[in-house]
């Protein structure tokens, strides 16, 4: 279920999709819904993709995540309003900001600065 609008994606999941109010000038491109059976990663995930020219970032939102395992040791701990988050940096320049809100695990992925990642995350709370 790829190339969905946010409304189409919302109809296919059993949680309220959180839309960021701030996107650093990127525009919503498409959504995808992934359903899994008994997965550690969660049994329902929606992925929202945002684009600006050739650049983009994605937001993954999952419910029923059984265990959060870091991809890399020593993530950078950050505050997102009253929530705690972690930023993982990869040698490719890609970063992932991960945090939880109301039972939803949220991951923002892209080649954005830590400040922009946090600003996007704060706009979702």
N, C-alpha and C. Protein backbone atom coordinates (compact mmCIF):
# COMPACT_ATOMS: atom_id res chain seq x y z
N UNK A 1 0.83 -1.17 0.00
CA UNK A 1 0.00 0.00 0.00
C UNK A 1 0.88 1.24 0.00
N UNK A 2 1.37 1.57 -1.17
CA UNK A 2 2.27 2.72 -1.32
C UNK A 2 1.57 3.79 -2.16
N UNK A 3 2.15 4.97 -2.21
CA UNK A 3 1.59 6.09 -2.97
C UNK A 3 0.19 6.48 -2.51
N UNK A 4 0.01 6.52 -1.20
CA UNK A 4 -1.27 6.90 -0.62
C UNK A 4 -1.25 8.36 -0.20
N UNK A 5 -2.44 8.95 -0.11
CA UNK A 5 -2.57 10.25 0.55
C UNK A 5 -2.59 9.99 2.05
N UNK A 6 -2.48 11.04 2.83
CA UNK A 6 -2.55 10.87 4.29
C UNK A 6 -3.93 10.34 4.67
N UNK A 7 -4.99 10.83 4.05
CA UNK A 7 -6.34 10.35 4.37
C UNK A 7 -6.50 8.87 4.04
N UNK A 8 -5.96 8.44 2.90
CA UNK A 8 -6.03 7.02 2.53
C UNK A 8 -5.26 6.16 3.53
N UNK A 9 -4.09 6.63 3.93
CA UNK A 9 -3.27 5.90 4.91
C UNK A 9 -4.00 5.83 6.25
N UNK A 10 -4.62 6.94 6.66
CA UNK A 10 -5.32 6.97 7.95
C UNK A 10 -6.42 5.91 8.03
N UNK A 11 -7.09 5.68 6.92
CA UNK A 11 -8.17 4.69 6.89
C UNK A 11 -7.65 3.27 7.04
N UNK A 12 -6.35 3.05 6.83
CA UNK A 12 -5.78 1.70 6.85
C UNK A 12 -5.04 1.36 8.13
N UNK A 13 -4.96 2.31 9.08
CA UNK A 13 -4.27 2.03 10.34
C UNK A 13 -5.20 2.27 11.52
N UNK A 14 -4.86 1.66 12.66
CA UNK A 14 -5.69 1.74 13.85
C UNK A 14 -5.13 2.71 14.89
N UNK A 15 -4.50 3.78 14.41
CA UNK A 15 -4.03 4.84 15.30
C UNK A 15 -4.10 6.14 14.52
N UNK A 16 -4.08 7.24 15.23
CA UNK A 16 -4.13 8.55 14.58
C UNK A 16 -2.74 8.95 14.10
N UNK A 17 -2.60 9.15 12.82
CA UNK A 17 -1.32 9.57 12.24
C UNK A 17 -1.03 10.99 12.71
N UNK A 18 0.20 11.20 13.14
CA UNK A 18 0.62 12.52 13.61
C UNK A 18 1.31 13.23 12.46
N UNK A 19 0.76 14.37 12.07
CA UNK A 19 1.29 15.15 10.95
C UNK A 19 2.12 16.32 11.52
N UNK A 20 3.34 16.51 11.05
CA UNK A 20 4.12 17.64 11.56
C UNK A 20 3.56 18.97 11.05
N UNK A 21 3.58 19.97 11.92
CA UNK A 21 3.18 21.32 11.52
C UNK A 21 4.33 22.05 10.83
N UNK A 22 5.55 21.60 11.14
CA UNK A 22 6.76 22.20 10.56
C UNK A 22 7.48 21.12 9.76
N UNK A 23 7.86 21.45 8.51
CA UNK A 23 8.54 20.47 7.65
C UNK A 23 9.81 21.03 7.01
N UNK A 24 10.33 22.13 7.51
CA UNK A 24 11.57 22.72 7.01
C UNK A 24 11.50 23.03 5.51
N UNK A 25 10.31 23.37 5.02
CA UNK A 25 10.15 23.73 3.61
C UNK A 25 9.92 22.55 2.68
N UNK A 26 9.92 21.34 3.22
CA UNK A 26 9.65 20.15 2.42
C UNK A 26 8.13 19.98 2.31
N UNK A 27 7.67 19.40 1.21
CA UNK A 27 6.24 19.18 1.01
C UNK A 27 5.91 17.70 1.03
N UNK A 28 4.72 17.38 1.56
CA UNK A 28 4.29 15.99 1.60
C UNK A 28 4.28 15.42 0.19
N UNK A 29 4.82 14.22 0.03
CA UNK A 29 4.91 13.56 -1.26
C UNK A 29 3.96 12.36 -1.35
N UNK A 30 4.08 11.45 -0.38
CA UNK A 30 3.23 10.26 -0.39
C UNK A 30 3.32 9.55 0.95
N UNK A 31 2.39 8.64 1.15
CA UNK A 31 2.38 7.83 2.37
C UNK A 31 2.36 6.36 1.98
N UNK A 32 2.81 5.53 2.89
CA UNK A 32 2.77 4.08 2.72
C UNK A 32 2.35 3.46 4.05
N UNK A 33 1.65 2.35 3.97
CA UNK A 33 1.25 1.61 5.17
C UNK A 33 1.86 0.23 5.09
N UNK A 34 2.50 -0.18 6.19
CA UNK A 34 3.13 -1.50 6.27
C UNK A 34 2.48 -2.23 7.44
N UNK A 35 1.96 -3.41 7.17
CA UNK A 35 1.36 -4.23 8.23
C UNK A 35 2.18 -5.50 8.36
N UNK A 36 2.50 -5.86 9.61
CA UNK A 36 3.30 -7.05 9.89
C UNK A 36 2.57 -7.91 10.90
N UNK A 37 2.88 -9.17 10.92
CA UNK A 37 2.32 -10.07 11.93
C UNK A 37 3.39 -10.33 12.98
N UNK A 38 3.09 -9.99 14.23
CA UNK A 38 3.97 -10.29 15.36
C UNK A 38 5.41 -9.86 15.11
N UNK A 39 5.61 -8.60 14.82
CA UNK A 39 6.95 -8.09 14.55
C UNK A 39 7.47 -7.28 15.74
N UNK A 40 8.77 -7.37 16.00
CA UNK A 40 9.39 -6.54 17.03
C UNK A 40 9.30 -5.06 16.65
N UNK A 41 9.18 -4.78 15.35
CA UNK A 41 9.16 -3.41 14.86
C UNK A 41 7.78 -2.78 14.93
N UNK A 42 6.78 -3.54 15.36
CA UNK A 42 5.42 -3.04 15.41
C UNK A 42 4.60 -3.70 14.32
N UNK A 43 3.30 -3.82 14.59
CA UNK A 43 2.50 -4.51 13.59
C UNK A 43 1.83 -3.57 12.60
N UNK A 44 1.88 -2.28 12.85
CA UNK A 44 1.36 -1.30 11.90
C UNK A 44 2.33 -0.12 11.84
N UNK A 45 2.72 0.23 10.64
CA UNK A 45 3.60 1.38 10.45
C UNK A 45 3.08 2.20 9.29
N UNK A 46 3.09 3.51 9.46
CA UNK A 46 2.82 4.40 8.34
C UNK A 46 4.10 5.19 8.09
N UNK A 47 4.44 5.37 6.82
CA UNK A 47 5.62 6.14 6.44
C UNK A 47 5.14 7.33 5.62
N UNK A 48 5.49 8.53 6.07
CA UNK A 48 5.16 9.76 5.36
C UNK A 48 6.43 10.27 4.71
N UNK A 49 6.38 10.54 3.42
CA UNK A 49 7.56 11.04 2.72
C UNK A 49 7.35 12.50 2.33
N UNK A 50 8.41 13.29 2.52
CA UNK A 50 8.39 14.71 2.21
C UNK A 50 9.53 15.01 1.25
N UNK A 51 9.30 15.90 0.29
CA UNK A 51 10.31 16.21 -0.74
C UNK A 51 10.49 17.71 -0.90
N UNK A 52 11.70 18.07 -1.29
CA UNK A 52 12.05 19.43 -1.72
C UNK A 52 13.11 19.25 -2.79
N UNK A 53 12.70 19.38 -4.06
CA UNK A 53 13.62 19.10 -5.16
C UNK A 53 14.00 17.63 -5.13
N UNK A 54 15.30 17.36 -5.20
CA UNK A 54 15.79 15.98 -5.16
C UNK A 54 16.00 15.46 -3.73
N UNK A 55 15.85 16.34 -2.75
CA UNK A 55 16.08 15.97 -1.36
C UNK A 55 14.77 15.58 -0.70
N UNK A 56 14.87 14.81 0.37
CA UNK A 56 13.67 14.43 1.08
C UNK A 56 13.97 13.87 2.45
N UNK A 57 12.90 13.68 3.21
CA UNK A 57 13.01 12.98 4.48
C UNK A 57 11.74 12.18 4.68
N UNK A 58 11.78 11.25 5.61
CA UNK A 58 10.63 10.38 5.88
C UNK A 58 10.36 10.34 7.37
N UNK A 59 9.09 10.15 7.69
CA UNK A 59 8.67 9.96 9.07
C UNK A 59 7.97 8.61 9.14
N UNK A 60 8.46 7.74 10.01
CA UNK A 60 7.80 6.46 10.25
C UNK A 60 7.11 6.51 11.60
N UNK A 61 5.87 6.05 11.65
CA UNK A 61 5.11 5.99 12.89
C UNK A 61 4.60 4.57 13.06
N UNK A 62 4.92 3.94 14.20
CA UNK A 62 4.58 2.54 14.44
C UNK A 62 3.90 2.36 15.78
N UNK A 63 2.95 1.40 15.81
CA UNK A 63 2.33 1.03 17.09
C UNK A 63 2.69 -0.42 17.40
N UNK A 64 2.53 -0.76 18.66
CA UNK A 64 2.79 -2.11 19.16
C UNK A 64 4.24 -2.55 18.93
N UNK A 65 5.17 -1.61 19.09
CA UNK A 65 6.59 -1.95 18.99
C UNK A 65 6.98 -2.66 20.28
N UNK A 66 7.52 -3.86 20.15
CA UNK A 66 7.83 -4.67 21.33
C UNK A 66 9.16 -4.29 21.97
N UNK A 67 10.12 -3.91 21.17
CA UNK A 67 11.44 -3.61 21.71
C UNK A 67 12.12 -2.61 20.79
N UNK A 68 12.67 -1.58 21.38
CA UNK A 68 13.41 -0.60 20.60
C UNK A 68 14.89 -0.91 20.75
N UNK A 69 15.51 -1.29 19.65
CA UNK A 69 16.92 -1.66 19.65
C UNK A 69 17.68 -0.60 18.87
N UNK A 70 18.74 -0.03 19.45
CA UNK A 70 19.51 0.97 18.70
C UNK A 70 20.29 0.34 17.55
N UNK A 71 20.38 1.07 16.44
CA UNK A 71 21.15 0.59 15.29
C UNK A 71 22.63 0.82 15.49
N UNK A 72 22.96 1.83 16.25
CA UNK A 72 24.35 2.19 16.46
C UNK A 72 24.55 2.46 17.95
N UNK A 73 25.73 2.17 18.44
CA UNK A 73 26.00 2.48 19.84
C UNK A 73 26.11 3.99 20.05
N UNK A 74 25.90 4.40 21.26
CA UNK A 74 26.08 5.80 21.67
C UNK A 74 25.29 6.81 20.85
N UNK A 75 23.96 6.67 20.78
CA UNK A 75 23.18 7.70 20.09
C UNK A 75 23.25 9.01 20.89
N UNK A 76 23.01 10.11 20.21
CA UNK A 76 22.95 11.40 20.88
C UNK A 76 21.58 11.55 21.52
N UNK A 77 21.55 11.76 22.84
CA UNK A 77 20.29 11.94 23.56
C UNK A 77 19.84 13.39 23.39
N UNK A 78 18.54 13.57 23.08
CA UNK A 78 18.00 14.91 22.88
C UNK A 78 16.66 15.04 23.60
N UNK A 79 16.26 16.28 23.85
CA UNK A 79 14.95 16.57 24.44
C UNK A 79 14.04 17.11 23.34
N UNK A 80 12.83 16.58 23.28
CA UNK A 80 11.81 17.05 22.35
C UNK A 80 10.64 17.45 23.23
N UNK A 81 10.55 18.73 23.54
CA UNK A 81 9.63 19.22 24.56
C UNK A 81 9.85 18.41 25.83
N UNK A 82 8.85 17.66 26.30
CA UNK A 82 9.03 16.89 27.54
C UNK A 82 9.39 15.43 27.28
N UNK A 83 9.66 15.06 26.04
CA UNK A 83 9.99 13.69 25.67
C UNK A 83 11.50 13.54 25.48
N UNK A 84 11.97 12.31 25.64
CA UNK A 84 13.36 12.02 25.36
C UNK A 84 13.46 11.36 24.01
N UNK A 85 14.50 11.71 23.26
CA UNK A 85 14.72 11.11 21.96
C UNK A 85 16.18 10.76 21.77
N UNK A 86 16.44 10.06 20.68
CA UNK A 86 17.81 9.68 20.33
C UNK A 86 18.04 9.97 18.86
N UNK A 87 19.22 10.51 18.55
CA UNK A 87 19.61 10.72 17.17
C UNK A 87 20.75 9.77 16.84
N UNK A 88 20.53 9.00 15.78
CA UNK A 88 21.54 8.08 15.27
C UNK A 88 22.11 8.69 14.00
N UNK A 89 23.44 8.74 13.90
CA UNK A 89 24.09 9.30 12.72
C UNK A 89 24.82 8.19 11.97
N UNK A 90 24.70 8.24 10.65
CA UNK A 90 25.34 7.24 9.80
C UNK A 90 26.42 7.90 8.96
N UNK A 91 27.41 7.13 8.52
CA UNK A 91 28.53 7.68 7.75
C UNK A 91 28.07 8.29 6.44
N UNK A 92 26.91 7.91 5.96
CA UNK A 92 26.37 8.46 4.71
C UNK A 92 25.85 9.89 4.87
N UNK A 93 25.76 10.35 6.13
CA UNK A 93 25.20 11.68 6.39
C UNK A 93 23.74 11.62 6.80
N UNK A 94 23.15 10.47 6.67
CA UNK A 94 21.75 10.29 7.07
C UNK A 94 21.66 10.22 8.58
N UNK A 95 20.57 10.76 9.12
CA UNK A 95 20.33 10.72 10.56
C UNK A 95 18.91 10.20 10.80
N UNK A 96 18.73 9.61 11.97
CA UNK A 96 17.41 9.17 12.41
C UNK A 96 17.18 9.71 13.82
N UNK A 97 16.09 10.43 13.99
CA UNK A 97 15.66 10.87 15.31
C UNK A 97 14.51 9.97 15.72
N UNK A 98 14.65 9.29 16.85
CA UNK A 98 13.62 8.37 17.33
C UNK A 98 13.11 8.83 18.69
N UNK A 99 11.76 8.85 18.83
CA UNK A 99 11.13 9.16 20.11
C UNK A 99 9.75 8.52 20.14
N UNK A 100 9.12 8.53 21.30
CA UNK A 100 7.78 7.95 21.45
C UNK A 100 6.82 9.00 21.98
N UNK A 101 5.55 8.88 21.55
CA UNK A 101 4.51 9.76 22.05
C UNK A 101 3.19 9.01 22.03
N UNK A 102 2.58 8.89 23.18
CA UNK A 102 1.26 8.23 23.30
C UNK A 102 1.22 6.85 22.67
N UNK A 103 2.26 6.05 22.91
CA UNK A 103 2.29 4.69 22.41
C UNK A 103 2.72 4.53 20.96
N UNK A 104 3.06 5.63 20.32
CA UNK A 104 3.52 5.58 18.92
C UNK A 104 5.02 5.85 18.90
N UNK A 105 5.78 4.95 18.27
CA UNK A 105 7.21 5.17 18.09
C UNK A 105 7.38 5.92 16.77
N UNK A 106 8.04 7.06 16.83
CA UNK A 106 8.20 7.95 15.68
C UNK A 106 9.68 8.03 15.32
N UNK A 107 9.98 7.86 14.03
CA UNK A 107 11.34 7.99 13.53
C UNK A 107 11.34 8.96 12.35
N UNK A 108 12.15 10.00 12.46
CA UNK A 108 12.32 10.97 11.38
C UNK A 108 13.69 10.71 10.78
N UNK A 109 13.74 10.43 9.48
CA UNK A 109 14.98 10.05 8.82
C UNK A 109 15.29 10.98 7.66
N UNK A 110 16.53 11.41 7.56
CA UNK A 110 16.94 12.23 6.43
C UNK A 110 18.30 12.85 6.67
N UNK A 111 18.71 13.67 5.73
CA UNK A 111 19.98 14.38 5.84
C UNK A 111 19.69 15.81 6.31
N UNK A 112 19.18 15.92 7.51
CA UNK A 112 18.83 17.20 8.10
C UNK A 112 19.73 17.43 9.31
N UNK A 113 19.86 18.68 9.72
CA UNK A 113 20.63 18.98 10.93
C UNK A 113 19.86 18.47 12.14
N UNK A 114 20.57 18.28 13.24
CA UNK A 114 19.91 17.88 14.48
C UNK A 114 18.83 18.88 14.87
N UNK A 115 19.11 20.17 14.67
CA UNK A 115 18.16 21.21 15.03
C UNK A 115 16.88 21.10 14.21
N UNK A 116 16.99 20.82 12.92
CA UNK A 116 15.80 20.68 12.06
C UNK A 116 15.02 19.42 12.44
N UNK A 117 15.73 18.32 12.71
CA UNK A 117 15.05 17.09 13.13
C UNK A 117 14.23 17.35 14.40
N UNK A 118 14.84 18.02 15.36
CA UNK A 118 14.15 18.30 16.62
C UNK A 118 12.97 19.23 16.40
N UNK A 119 13.13 20.23 15.56
CA UNK A 119 12.05 21.17 15.27
C UNK A 119 10.85 20.47 14.63
N UNK A 120 11.12 19.56 13.69
CA UNK A 120 10.05 18.77 13.07
C UNK A 120 9.36 17.92 14.14
N UNK A 121 10.17 17.25 14.97
CA UNK A 121 9.61 16.40 16.04
C UNK A 121 8.76 17.21 17.00
N UNK A 122 9.24 18.38 17.40
CA UNK A 122 8.48 19.22 18.33
C UNK A 122 7.15 19.64 17.72
N UNK A 123 7.10 19.80 16.41
CA UNK A 123 5.85 20.22 15.76
C UNK A 123 4.82 19.09 15.71
N UNK A 124 5.25 17.87 16.09
CA UNK A 124 4.36 16.72 16.12
C UNK A 124 3.76 16.48 17.50
N UNK A 125 4.21 17.23 18.50
CA UNK A 125 3.73 17.04 19.87
C UNK A 125 2.73 18.11 20.25
